[in-house]
């Protein structure tokens, strides 16, 4: 009897059937993260200048983000409405005024 068991083990190894639940679980986890997180904004367009502001557009989902040409970097949140981004930037940007030849921040 032991010879038959040893012979069977030496011949063809038994295929494991545990891989498919792992693939399914990984796929479901990836789909859940994508549903919660949304787009990763990995592919952004070149900066576009409109209304005195520069912004970039995500090529996957179309979300926009303001862009600073001086530092050549994007800043602020991602939004679909450019006017909302501009209004938020105007609200959060420090304001200044001139008195004589000196500039003062509010």
PDB file of N, CA and C in Angstrom:
ATOM      1  N   UNK A   1       0.814  -1.185   0.000  1.00  0.00           N
ATOM      2  CA  UNK A   1       0.000   0.000   0.000  1.00  0.00           C
ATOM      3  C   UNK A   1       0.864   1.258   0.000  1.00  0.00           C
ATOM      4  N   UNK A   2       1.938   1.295   0.753  1.00  0.00           N
ATOM      5  CA  UNK A   2       2.809   2.472   0.790  1.00  0.00           C
ATOM      6  C   UNK A   2       3.513   2.671  -0.545  1.00  0.00           C
ATOM      7  N   UNK A   3       3.789   1.560  -1.246  1.00  0.00           N
ATOM      8  CA  UNK A   3       4.426   1.699  -2.545  1.00  0.00           C
ATOM      9  C   UNK A   3       3.515   2.415  -3.530  1.00  0.00           C
ATOM     10  N   UNK A   4       2.230   2.157  -3.471  1.00  0.00           N
ATOM     11  CA  UNK A   4       1.281   2.801  -4.377  1.00  0.00           C
ATOM     12  C   UNK A   4       1.186   4.302  -4.082  1.00  0.00           C
ATOM     13  N   UNK A   5       1.201   4.671  -2.812  1.00  0.00           N
ATOM     14  CA  UNK A   5       1.126   6.080  -2.438  1.00  0.00           C
ATOM     15  C   UNK A   5       2.395   6.803  -2.865  1.00  0.00           C
ATOM     16  N   UNK A   6       3.547   6.167  -2.635  1.00  0.00           N
ATOM     17  CA  UNK A   6       4.810   6.768  -3.027  1.00  0.00           C
ATOM     18  C   UNK A   6       4.900   6.902  -4.541  1.00  0.00           C
ATOM     19  N   UNK A   7       4.415   5.900  -5.259  1.00  0.00           N
ATOM     20  CA  UNK A   7       4.458   5.931  -6.713  1.00  0.00           C
ATOM     21  C   UNK A   7       3.578   7.069  -7.244  1.00  0.00           C
ATOM     22  N   UNK A   8       2.431   7.270  -6.652  1.00  0.00           N
ATOM     23  CA  UNK A   8       1.532   8.327  -7.092  1.00  0.00           C
ATOM     24  C   UNK A   8       2.156   9.709  -6.816  1.00  0.00           C
ATOM     25  N   UNK A   9       2.834   9.868  -5.685  1.00  0.00           N
ATOM     26  CA  UNK A   9       3.429  11.145  -5.327  1.00  0.00           C
ATOM     27  C   UNK A   9       4.630  11.464  -6.223  1.00  0.00           C
ATOM     28  N   UNK A  10       5.377  10.452  -6.641  1.00  0.00           N
ATOM     29  CA  UNK A  10       6.557  10.676  -7.455  1.00  0.00           C
ATOM     30  C   UNK A  10       6.168  11.033  -8.879  1.00  0.00           C
ATOM     31  N   UNK A  11       5.099  10.480  -9.375  1.00  0.00           N
ATOM     32  CA  UNK A  11       4.699  10.686 -10.755  1.00  0.00           C
ATOM     33  C   UNK A  11       4.322  12.127 -11.061  1.00  0.00           C
ATOM     34  N   UNK A  12       3.097  12.459 -10.940  1.00  0.00           N
ATOM     35  CA  UNK A  12       2.590  13.763 -11.306  1.00  0.00           C
ATOM     36  C   UNK A  12       2.208  14.518 -10.035  1.00  0.00           C
ATOM     37  N   UNK A  13       2.749  15.720  -9.809  1.00  0.00           N
ATOM     38  CA  UNK A  13       2.366  16.445  -8.599  1.00  0.00           C
ATOM     39  C   UNK A  13       0.917  16.932  -8.693  1.00  0.00           C
ATOM     40  N   UNK A  14       0.254  16.921  -7.563  1.00  0.00           N
ATOM     41  CA  UNK A  14      -1.146  17.330  -7.515  1.00  0.00           C
ATOM     42  C   UNK A  14      -1.228  18.839  -7.708  1.00  0.00           C
ATOM     43  N   UNK A  15      -2.136  19.276  -8.565  1.00  0.00           N
ATOM     44  CA  UNK A  15      -2.305  20.705  -8.807  1.00  0.00           C
ATOM     45  C   UNK A  15      -3.008  21.342  -7.622  1.00  0.00           C
ATOM     46  N   UNK A  16      -2.533  22.493  -7.272  1.00  0.00           N
ATOM     47  CA  UNK A  16      -3.131  23.228  -6.164  1.00  0.00           C
ATOM     48  C   UNK A  16      -4.354  24.004  -6.668  1.00  0.00           C
ATOM     49  N   UNK A  17      -5.405  23.997  -5.889  1.00  0.00           N
ATOM     50  CA  UNK A  17      -6.616  24.702  -6.308  1.00  0.00           C
ATOM     51  C   UNK A  17      -6.874  25.936  -5.453  1.00  0.00           C
ATOM     52  N   UNK A  18      -5.874  26.403  -4.758  1.00  0.00           N
ATOM     53  CA  UNK A  18      -6.068  27.563  -3.899  1.00  0.00           C
ATOM     54  C   UNK A  18      -5.798  28.886  -4.615  1.00  0.00           C
ATOM     55  N   UNK A  19      -5.236  28.883  -5.812  1.00  0.00           N
ATOM     56  CA  UNK A  19      -4.858  30.113  -6.498  1.00  0.00           C
ATOM     57  C   UNK A  19      -6.061  30.933  -6.937  1.00  0.00           C
ATOM     58  N   UNK A  20      -7.147  30.302  -7.362  1.00  0.00           N
ATOM     59  CA  UNK A  20      -8.273  31.082  -7.880  1.00  0.00           C
ATOM     60  C   UNK A  20      -8.990  31.890  -6.806  1.00  0.00           C
ATOM     61  N   UNK A  21      -9.145  31.416  -5.546  1.00  0.00           N
ATOM     62  CA  UNK A  21      -9.722  32.326  -4.548  1.00  0.00           C
ATOM     63  C   UNK A  21      -8.825  33.535  -4.280  1.00  0.00           C
ATOM     64  N   UNK A  22      -7.515  33.350  -4.365  1.00  0.00           N
ATOM     65  CA  UNK A  22      -6.592  34.467  -4.186  1.00  0.00           C
ATOM     66  C   UNK A  22      -6.741  35.507  -5.289  1.00  0.00           C
ATOM     67  N   UNK A  23      -6.894  35.031  -6.524  1.00  0.00           N
ATOM     68  CA  UNK A  23      -7.079  35.941  -7.654  1.00  0.00           C
ATOM     69  C   UNK A  23      -8.388  36.705  -7.511  1.00  0.00           C
ATOM     70  N   UNK A  24      -9.440  36.008  -7.128  1.00  0.00           N
ATOM     71  CA  UNK A  24     -10.748  36.654  -6.954  1.00  0.00           C
ATOM     72  C   UNK A  24     -10.682  37.682  -5.824  1.00  0.00           C
ATOM     73  N   UNK A  25     -10.068  37.317  -4.699  1.00  0.00           N
ATOM     74  CA  UNK A  25      -9.966  38.242  -3.569  1.00  0.00           C
ATOM     75  C   UNK A  25      -9.137  39.473  -3.937  1.00  0.00           C
ATOM     76  N   UNK A  26      -8.047  39.274  -4.665  1.00  0.00           N
ATOM     77  CA  UNK A  26      -7.218  40.396  -5.085  1.00  0.00           C
ATOM     78  C   UNK A  26      -7.972  41.301  -6.045  1.00  0.00           C
ATOM     79  N   UNK A  27      -8.721  40.734  -6.963  1.00  0.00           N
ATOM     80  CA  UNK A  27      -9.498  41.526  -7.910  1.00  0.00           C
ATOM     81  C   UNK A  27     -10.576  42.323  -7.193  1.00  0.00           C
ATOM     82  N   UNK A  28     -11.265  41.696  -6.250  1.00  0.00           N
ATOM     83  CA  UNK A  28     -12.303  42.400  -5.506  1.00  0.00           C
ATOM     84  C   UNK A  28     -11.709  43.512  -4.649  1.00  0.00           C
ATOM     85  N   UNK A  29     -10.556  43.266  -4.040  1.00  0.00           N
ATOM     86  CA  UNK A  29      -9.904  44.298  -3.236  1.00  0.00           C
ATOM     87  C   UNK A  29      -9.488  45.477  -4.123  1.00  0.00           C
ATOM     88  N   UNK A  30      -8.954  45.198  -5.288  1.00  0.00           N
ATOM     89  CA  UNK A  30      -8.571  46.264  -6.220  1.00  0.00           C
ATOM     90  C   UNK A  30      -9.769  47.062  -6.693  1.00  0.00           C
ATOM     91  N   UNK A  31     -10.878  46.377  -6.965  1.00  0.00           N
ATOM     92  CA  UNK A  31     -12.095  47.074  -7.381  1.00  0.00           C
ATOM     93  C   UNK A  31     -12.650  47.934  -6.252  1.00  0.00           C
ATOM     94  N   UNK A  32     -12.580  47.449  -5.013  1.00  0.00           N
ATOM     95  CA  UNK A  32     -13.064  48.227  -3.868  1.00  0.00           C
ATOM     96  C   UNK A  32     -12.209  49.472  -3.661  1.00  0.00           C
ATOM     97  N   UNK A  33     -10.903  49.336  -3.768  1.00  0.00           N
ATOM     98  CA  UNK A  33     -10.020  50.499  -3.617  1.00  0.00           C
ATOM     99  C   UNK A  33     -10.298  51.505  -4.725  1.00  0.00           C
ATOM    100  N   UNK A  34     -10.484  51.040  -5.933  1.00  0.00           N
ATOM    101  CA  UNK A  34     -10.752  51.940  -7.049  1.00  0.00           C
ATOM    102  C   UNK A  34     -12.095  52.642  -6.875  1.00  0.00           C
ATOM    103  N   UNK A  35     -13.105  51.931  -6.338  1.00  0.00           N
ATOM    104  CA  UNK A  35     -14.414  52.541  -6.113  1.00  0.00           C
ATOM    105  C   UNK A  35     -14.351  53.594  -5.023  1.00  0.00           C
ATOM    106  N   UNK A  36     -13.577  53.331  -3.973  1.00  0.00           N
ATOM    107  CA  UNK A  36     -13.465  54.281  -2.871  1.00  0.00           C
ATOM    108  C   UNK A  36     -12.535  55.426  -3.255  1.00  0.00           C
ATOM    109  N   UNK A  37     -11.397  55.119  -3.823  1.00  0.00           N
ATOM    110  CA  UNK A  37     -10.379  56.122  -4.119  1.00  0.00           C
ATOM    111  C   UNK A  37     -10.672  56.874  -5.405  1.00  0.00           C
ATOM    112  N   UNK A  38     -11.207  56.193  -6.390  1.00  0.00           N
ATOM    113  CA  UNK A  38     -11.450  56.823  -7.679  1.00  0.00           C
ATOM    114  C   UNK A  38     -10.203  56.785  -8.545  1.00  0.00           C
ATOM    115  N   UNK A  39     -10.066  57.783  -9.369  1.00  0.00           N
ATOM    116  CA  UNK A  39      -8.941  57.855 -10.294  1.00  0.00           C
ATOM    117  C   UNK A  39      -7.670  58.239  -9.542  1.00  0.00           C
ATOM    118  N   UNK A  40      -6.537  57.686  -9.960  1.00  0.00           N
ATOM    119  CA  UNK A  40      -5.255  58.000  -9.322  1.00  0.00           C
ATOM    120  C   UNK A  40      -4.594  59.215  -9.958  1.00  0.00           C
ATOM    121  N   UNK A  41      -5.171  59.766 -11.013  1.00  0.00           N
ATOM    122  CA  UNK A  41      -4.659  60.952 -11.706  1.00  0.00           C
ATOM    123  C   UNK A  41      -3.188  60.771 -12.085  1.00  0.00           C
ATOM    124  N   UNK A  42      -2.876  59.651 -12.684  1.00  0.00           N
ATOM    125  CA  UNK A  42      -1.496  59.351 -13.045  1.00  0.00           C
ATOM    126  C   UNK A  42      -1.044  60.016 -14.334  1.00  0.00           C
ATOM    127  N   UNK A  43      -1.972  60.296 -15.241  1.00  0.00           N
ATOM    128  CA  UNK A  43      -1.606  60.900 -16.523  1.00  0.00           C
ATOM    129  C   UNK A  43      -2.245  62.283 -16.606  1.00  0.00           C
ATOM    130  N   UNK A  44      -1.409  63.310 -16.485  1.00  0.00           N
ATOM    131  CA  UNK A  44      -1.891  64.684 -16.523  1.00  0.00           C
ATOM    132  C   UNK A  44      -1.453  65.353 -17.821  1.00  0.00           C
ATOM    133  N   UNK A  45      -2.273  66.287 -18.305  1.00  0.00           N
ATOM    134  CA  UNK A  45      -1.953  67.016 -19.530  1.00  0.00           C
ATOM    135  C   UNK A  45      -0.895  68.077 -19.263  1.00  0.00           C
ATOM    136  N   UNK A  46      -0.426  68.703 -20.321  1.00  0.00           N
ATOM    137  CA  UNK A  46       0.449  69.861 -20.176  1.00  0.00           C
ATOM    138  C   UNK A  46      -0.388  71.007 -19.633  1.00  0.00           C
ATOM    139  N   UNK A  47       0.234  71.979 -18.978  1.00  0.00           N
ATOM    140  CA  UNK A  47      -0.530  73.108 -18.444  1.00  0.00           C
ATOM    141  C   UNK A  47      -1.254  73.887 -19.538  1.00  0.00           C
ATOM    142  N   UNK A  48      -2.468  74.309 -19.213  1.00  0.00           N
ATOM    143  CA  UNK A  48      -3.313  75.082 -20.115  1.00  0.00           C
ATOM    144  C   UNK A  48      -3.594  76.412 -19.425  1.00  0.00           C
ATOM    145  N   UNK A  49      -3.462  77.523 -20.143  1.00  0.00           N
ATOM    146  CA  UNK A  49      -3.699  78.837 -19.558  1.00  0.00           C
ATOM    147  C   UNK A  49      -5.044  79.382 -20.029  1.00  0.00           C
ATOM    148  N   UNK A  50      -5.912  79.726 -19.054  1.00  0.00           N
ATOM    149  CA  UNK A  50      -7.223  80.298 -19.329  1.00  0.00           C
ATOM    150  C   UNK A  50      -7.561  81.269 -18.206  1.00  0.00           C
ATOM    151  N   UNK A  51      -8.114  82.417 -18.537  1.00  0.00           N
ATOM    152  CA  UNK A  51      -8.580  83.411 -17.567  1.00  0.00           C
ATOM    153  C   UNK A  51      -7.462  83.842 -16.606  1.00  0.00           C
ATOM    154  N   UNK A  52      -6.233  83.858 -17.051  1.00  0.00           N
ATOM    155  CA  UNK A  52      -5.130  84.265 -16.197  1.00  0.00           C
ATOM    156  C   UNK A  52      -4.649  83.181 -15.245  1.00  0.00           C
ATOM    157  N   UNK A  53      -5.178  81.976 -15.351  1.00  0.00           N
ATOM    158  CA  UNK A  53      -4.787  80.850 -14.509  1.00  0.00           C
ATOM    159  C   UNK A  53      -4.308  79.717 -15.395  1.00  0.00           C
ATOM    160  N   UNK A  54      -3.403  78.931 -14.870  1.00  0.00           N
ATOM    161  CA  UNK A  54      -2.953  77.725 -15.564  1.00  0.00           C
ATOM    162  C   UNK A  54      -3.459  76.518 -14.797  1.00  0.00           C
ATOM    163  N   UNK A  55      -3.826  75.474 -15.528  1.00  0.00           N
ATOM    164  CA  UNK A  55      -4.307  74.259 -14.895  1.00  0.00           C
ATOM    165  C   UNK A  55      -3.939  73.057 -15.742  1.00  0.00           C
ATOM    166  N   UNK A  56      -4.007  71.887 -15.110  1.00  0.00           N
ATOM    167  CA  UNK A  56      -3.790  70.621 -15.802  1.00  0.00           C
ATOM    168  C   UNK A  56      -5.060  69.800 -15.743  1.00  0.00           C
ATOM    169  N   UNK A  57      -5.227  68.906 -16.693  1.00  0.00           N
ATOM    170  CA  UNK A  57      -6.391  68.035 -16.760  1.00  0.00           C
ATOM    171  C   UNK A  57      -5.932  66.587 -16.694  1.00  0.00           C
ATOM    172  N   UNK A  58      -6.597  65.773 -15.866  1.00  0.00           N
ATOM    173  CA  UNK A  58      -6.317  64.343 -15.824  1.00  0.00           C
ATOM    174  C   UNK A  58      -6.851  63.722 -17.114  1.00  0.00           C
ATOM    175  N   UNK A  59      -6.023  62.989 -17.821  1.00  0.00           N
ATOM    176  CA  UNK A  59      -6.423  62.406 -19.096  1.00  0.00           C
ATOM    177  C   UNK A  59      -7.331  61.196 -18.923  1.00  0.00           C
ATOM    178  N   UNK A  60      -7.411  60.648 -17.707  1.00  0.00           N
ATOM    179  CA  UNK A  60      -8.266  59.494 -17.466  1.00  0.00           C
ATOM    180  C   UNK A  60      -9.689  59.893 -17.090  1.00  0.00           C
ATOM    181  N   UNK A  61      -9.826  60.874 -16.182  1.00  0.00           N
ATOM    182  CA  UNK A  61     -11.162  61.197 -15.667  1.00  0.00           C
ATOM    183  C   UNK A  61     -11.610  62.625 -15.948  1.00  0.00           C
ATOM    184  N   UNK A  62     -10.711  63.503 -16.385  1.00  0.00           N
ATOM    185  CA  UNK A  62     -11.086  64.868 -16.722  1.00  0.00           C
ATOM    186  C   UNK A  62     -11.050  65.846 -15.563  1.00  0.00           C
ATOM    187  N   UNK A  63     -10.562  65.444 -14.401  1.00  0.00           N
ATOM    188  CA  UNK A  63     -10.471  66.357 -13.258  1.00  0.00           C
ATOM    189  C   UNK A  63      -9.387  67.386 -13.524  1.00  0.00           C
ATOM    190  N   UNK A  64      -9.622  68.610 -13.030  1.00  0.00           N
ATOM    191  CA  UNK A  64      -8.679  69.701 -13.247  1.00  0.00           C
ATOM    192  C   UNK A  64      -7.980  70.055 -11.947  1.00  0.00           C
ATOM    193  N   UNK A  65      -6.746  70.602 -12.070  1.00  0.00           N
ATOM    194  CA  UNK A  65      -5.973  71.034 -10.918  1.00  0.00           C
ATOM    195  C   UNK A  65      -5.160  72.252 -11.330  1.00  0.00           C
ATOM    196  N   UNK A  66      -5.154  73.278 -10.493  1.00  0.00           N
ATOM    197  CA  UNK A  66      -4.416  74.492 -10.810  1.00  0.00           C
ATOM    198  C   UNK A  66      -2.923  74.210 -10.883  1.00  0.00           C
ATOM    199  N   UNK A  67      -2.231  75.024 -11.655  1.00  0.00           N
ATOM    200  CA  UNK A  67      -0.814  74.818 -11.928  1.00  0.00           C
ATOM    201  C   UNK A  67      -0.074  76.135 -11.765  1.00  0.00           C
ATOM    202  N   UNK A  68       1.035  76.107 -11.041  1.00  0.00           N
ATOM    203  CA  UNK A  68       1.868  77.285 -10.841  1.00  0.00           C
ATOM    204  C   UNK A  68       3.016  77.242 -11.847  1.00  0.00           C
ATOM    205  N   UNK A  69       3.025  78.219 -12.763  1.00  0.00           N
ATOM    206  CA  UNK A  69       4.055  78.228 -13.807  1.00  0.00           C
ATOM    207  C   UNK A  69       5.422  78.627 -13.278  1.00  0.00           C
ATOM    208  N   UNK A  70       5.458  79.379 -12.176  1.00  0.00           N
ATOM    209  CA  UNK A  70       6.751  79.804 -11.626  1.00  0.00           C
ATOM    210  C   UNK A  70       7.529  78.633 -11.039  1.00  0.00           C
ATOM    211  N   UNK A  71       6.847  77.767 -10.308  1.00  0.00           N
ATOM    212  CA  UNK A  71       7.515  76.601  -9.712  1.00  0.00           C
ATOM    213  C   UNK A  71       7.332  75.346 -10.560  1.00  0.00           C
ATOM    214  N   UNK A  72       6.538  75.452 -11.615  1.00  0.00           N
ATOM    215  CA  UNK A  72       6.216  74.335 -12.505  1.00  0.00           C
ATOM    216  C   UNK A  72       5.708  73.128 -11.721  1.00  0.00           C
ATOM    217  N   UNK A  73       4.704  73.388 -10.874  1.00  0.00           N
ATOM    218  CA  UNK A  73       4.095  72.303 -10.096  1.00  0.00           C
ATOM    219  C   UNK A  73       2.609  72.573  -9.924  1.00  0.00           C
ATOM    220  N   UNK A  74       1.859  71.504  -9.809  1.00  0.00           N
ATOM    221  CA  UNK A  74       0.416  71.603  -9.592  1.00  0.00           C
ATOM    222  C   UNK A  74       0.149  71.801  -8.105  1.00  0.00           C
ATOM    223  N   UNK A  75      -0.957  72.482  -7.795  1.00  0.00           N
ATOM    224  CA  UNK A  75      -1.310  72.700  -6.396  1.00  0.00           C
ATOM    225  C   UNK A  75      -2.828  72.705  -6.248  1.00  0.00           C
ATOM    226  N   UNK A  76      -3.274  72.506  -5.022  1.00  0.00           N
ATOM    227  CA  UNK A  76      -4.696  72.533  -4.726  1.00  0.00           C
ATOM    228  C   UNK A  76      -5.376  71.202  -5.002  1.00  0.00           C
ATOM    229  N   UNK A  77      -6.684  71.167  -4.747  1.00  0.00           N
ATOM    230  CA  UNK A  77      -7.432  69.915  -4.938  1.00  0.00           C
ATOM    231  C   UNK A  77      -7.797  69.679  -6.404  1.00  0.00           C
ATOM    232  N   UNK A  78      -8.257  68.477  -6.687  1.00  0.00           N
ATOM    233  CA  UNK A  78      -8.773  68.131  -8.007  1.00  0.00           C
ATOM    234  C   UNK A  78     -10.268  68.421  -8.016  1.00  0.00           C
ATOM    235  N   UNK A  79     -10.748  69.109  -9.044  1.00  0.00           N
ATOM    236  CA  UNK A  79     -12.172  69.393  -9.214  1.00  0.00           C
ATOM    237  C   UNK A  79     -12.504  69.316 -10.695  1.00  0.00           C
ATOM    238  N   UNK A  80     -13.774  69.107 -10.987  1.00  0.00           N
ATOM    239  CA  UNK A  80     -14.205  69.088 -12.383  1.00  0.00           C
ATOM    240  C   UNK A  80     -14.564  70.479 -12.887  1.00  0.00           C
ATOM    241  N   UNK A  81     -14.890  71.409 -11.995  1.00  0.00           N
ATOM    242  CA  UNK A  81     -15.294  72.756 -12.376  1.00  0.00           C
ATOM    243  C   UNK A  81     -14.126  73.722 -12.204  1.00  0.00           C
ATOM    244  N   UNK A  82     -13.675  74.318 -13.293  1.00  0.00           N
ATOM    245  CA  UNK A  82     -12.548  75.244 -13.242  1.00  0.00           C
ATOM    246  C   UNK A  82     -12.905  76.506 -12.470  1.00  0.00           C
ATOM    247  N   UNK A  83     -14.140  76.994 -12.617  1.00  0.00           N
ATOM    248  CA  UNK A  83     -14.548  78.200 -11.901  1.00  0.00           C
ATOM    249  C   UNK A  83     -14.509  77.990 -10.387  1.00  0.00           C
ATOM    250  N   UNK A  84     -14.847  76.798  -9.933  1.00  0.00           N
ATOM    251  CA  UNK A  84     -14.764  76.477  -8.503  1.00  0.00           C
ATOM    252  C   UNK A  84     -13.312  76.503  -8.023  1.00  0.00           C
ATOM    253  N   UNK A  85     -12.402  75.993  -8.831  1.00  0.00           N
ATOM    254  CA  UNK A  85     -10.977  76.025  -8.475  1.00  0.00           C
ATOM    255  C   UNK A  85     -10.459  77.459  -8.400  1.00  0.00           C
ATOM    256  N   UNK A  86     -10.870  78.294  -9.356  1.00  0.00           N
ATOM    257  CA  UNK A  86     -10.419  79.683  -9.370  1.00  0.00           C
ATOM    258  C   UNK A  86     -10.979  80.438  -8.165  1.00  0.00           C
ATOM    259  N   UNK A  87     -12.254  80.207  -7.836  1.00  0.00           N
ATOM    260  CA  UNK A  87     -12.858  80.861  -6.669  1.00  0.00           C
ATOM    261  C   UNK A  87     -12.157  80.428  -5.389  1.00  0.00           C
ATOM    262  N   UNK A  88     -11.838  79.160  -5.265  1.00  0.00           N
ATOM    263  CA  UNK A  88     -11.145  78.668  -4.072  1.00  0.00           C
ATOM    264  C   UNK A  88      -9.750  79.276  -3.977  1.00  0.00           C
ATOM    265  N   UNK A  89      -9.061  79.384  -5.118  1.00  0.00           N
ATOM    266  CA  UNK A  89      -7.727  79.962  -5.120  1.00  0.00           C
ATOM    267  C   UNK A  89      -7.772  81.440  -4.736  1.00  0.00           C
ATOM    268  N   UNK A  90      -8.763  82.180  -5.232  1.00  0.00           N
ATOM    269  CA  UNK A  90      -8.907  83.588  -4.868  1.00  0.00           C
ATOM    270  C   UNK A  90      -9.198  83.745  -3.383  1.00  0.00           C
ATOM    271  N   UNK A  91      -9.939  82.825  -2.803  1.00  0.00           N
ATOM    272  CA  UNK A  91     -10.287  82.901  -1.384  1.00  0.00           C
ATOM    273  C   UNK A  91      -9.094  82.559  -0.491  1.00  0.00           C
ATOM    274  N   UNK A  92      -8.276  81.598  -0.878  1.00  0.00           N
ATOM    275  CA  UNK A  92      -7.172  81.138  -0.032  1.00  0.00           C
ATOM    276  C   UNK A  92      -5.861  81.885  -0.274  1.00  0.00           C
ATOM    277  N   UNK A  93      -5.726  82.548  -1.400  1.00  0.00           N
ATOM    278  CA  UNK A  93      -4.487  83.259  -1.712  1.00  0.00           C
ATOM    279  C   UNK A  93      -4.388  84.515  -0.841  1.00  0.00           C
ATOM    280  N   UNK A  94      -3.225  84.766  -0.276  1.00  0.00           N
ATOM    281  CA  UNK A  94      -3.083  85.986   0.536  1.00  0.00           C
ATOM    282  C   UNK A  94      -3.238  87.229  -0.332  1.00  0.00           C
ATOM    283  N   UNK A  95      -4.005  88.192   0.157  1.00  0.00           N
ATOM    284  CA  UNK A  95      -4.245  89.429  -0.582  1.00  0.00           C
ATOM    285  C   UNK A  95      -3.226  90.474  -0.152  1.00  0.00           C
ATOM    286  N   UNK A  96      -2.906  91.360  -1.051  1.00  0.00           N
ATOM    287  CA  UNK A  96      -1.956  92.418  -0.731  1.00  0.00           C
ATOM    288  C   UNK A  96      -2.462  93.741  -1.292  1.00  0.00           C
ATOM    289  N   UNK A  97      -1.947  94.818  -0.765  1.00  0.00           N
ATOM    290  CA  UNK A  97      -2.277  96.144  -1.253  1.00  0.00           C
ATOM    291  C   UNK A  97      -1.021  97.007  -1.208  1.00  0.00           C
ATOM    292  N   UNK A  98      -1.007  98.044  -2.014  1.00  0.00           N
ATOM    293  CA  UNK A  98       0.145  98.934  -2.087  1.00  0.00           C
ATOM    294  C   UNK A  98      -0.125 100.206  -1.290  1.00  0.00           C
ATOM    295  N   UNK A  99       0.864 100.597  -0.474  1.00  0.00           N
ATOM    296  CA  UNK A  99       0.840 101.889   0.201  1.00  0.00           C
ATOM    297  C   UNK A  99       2.138 102.570  -0.168  1.00  0.00           C
ATOM    298  N   UNK A 100       2.015 103.591  -0.962  1.00  0.00           N
ATOM    299  CA  UNK A 100       3.223 104.248  -1.467  1.00  0.00           C
ATOM    300  C   UNK A 100       3.925 103.299  -2.416  1.00  0.00           C
ATOM    301  N   UNK A 101       5.158 102.969  -2.126  1.00  0.00           N
ATOM    302  CA  UNK A 101       5.904 102.033  -2.945  1.00  0.00           C
ATOM    303  C   UNK A 101       6.154 100.685  -2.254  1.00  0.00           C
ATOM    304  N   UNK A 102       5.451 100.453  -1.133  1.00  0.00           N
ATOM    305  CA  UNK A 102       5.608  99.200  -0.390  1.00  0.00           C
ATOM    306  C   UNK A 102       4.340  98.360  -0.479  1.00  0.00           C
ATOM    307  N   UNK A 103       4.521  97.065  -0.560  1.00  0.00           N
ATOM    308  CA  UNK A 103       3.391  96.142  -0.642  1.00  0.00           C
ATOM    309  C   UNK A 103       3.156  95.519   0.727  1.00  0.00           C
ATOM    310  N   UNK A 104       1.899  95.503   1.176  1.00  0.00           N
ATOM    311  CA  UNK A 104       1.523  94.951   2.474  1.00  0.00           C
ATOM    312  C   UNK A 104       0.511  93.827   2.273  1.00  0.00           C
ATOM    313  N   UNK A 105       0.652  92.755   3.060  1.00  0.00           N
ATOM    314  CA  UNK A 105      -0.295  91.643   3.026  1.00  0.00           C
ATOM    315  C   UNK A 105      -1.434  91.889   3.985  1.00  0.00           C
ATOM    316  N   UNK A 106      -2.630  91.501   3.613  1.00  0.00           N
ATOM    317  CA  UNK A 106      -3.795  91.593   4.499  1.00  0.00           C
ATOM    318  C   UNK A 106      -3.874  90.392   5.411  1.00  0.00           C
TER     319      UNK A 106
END
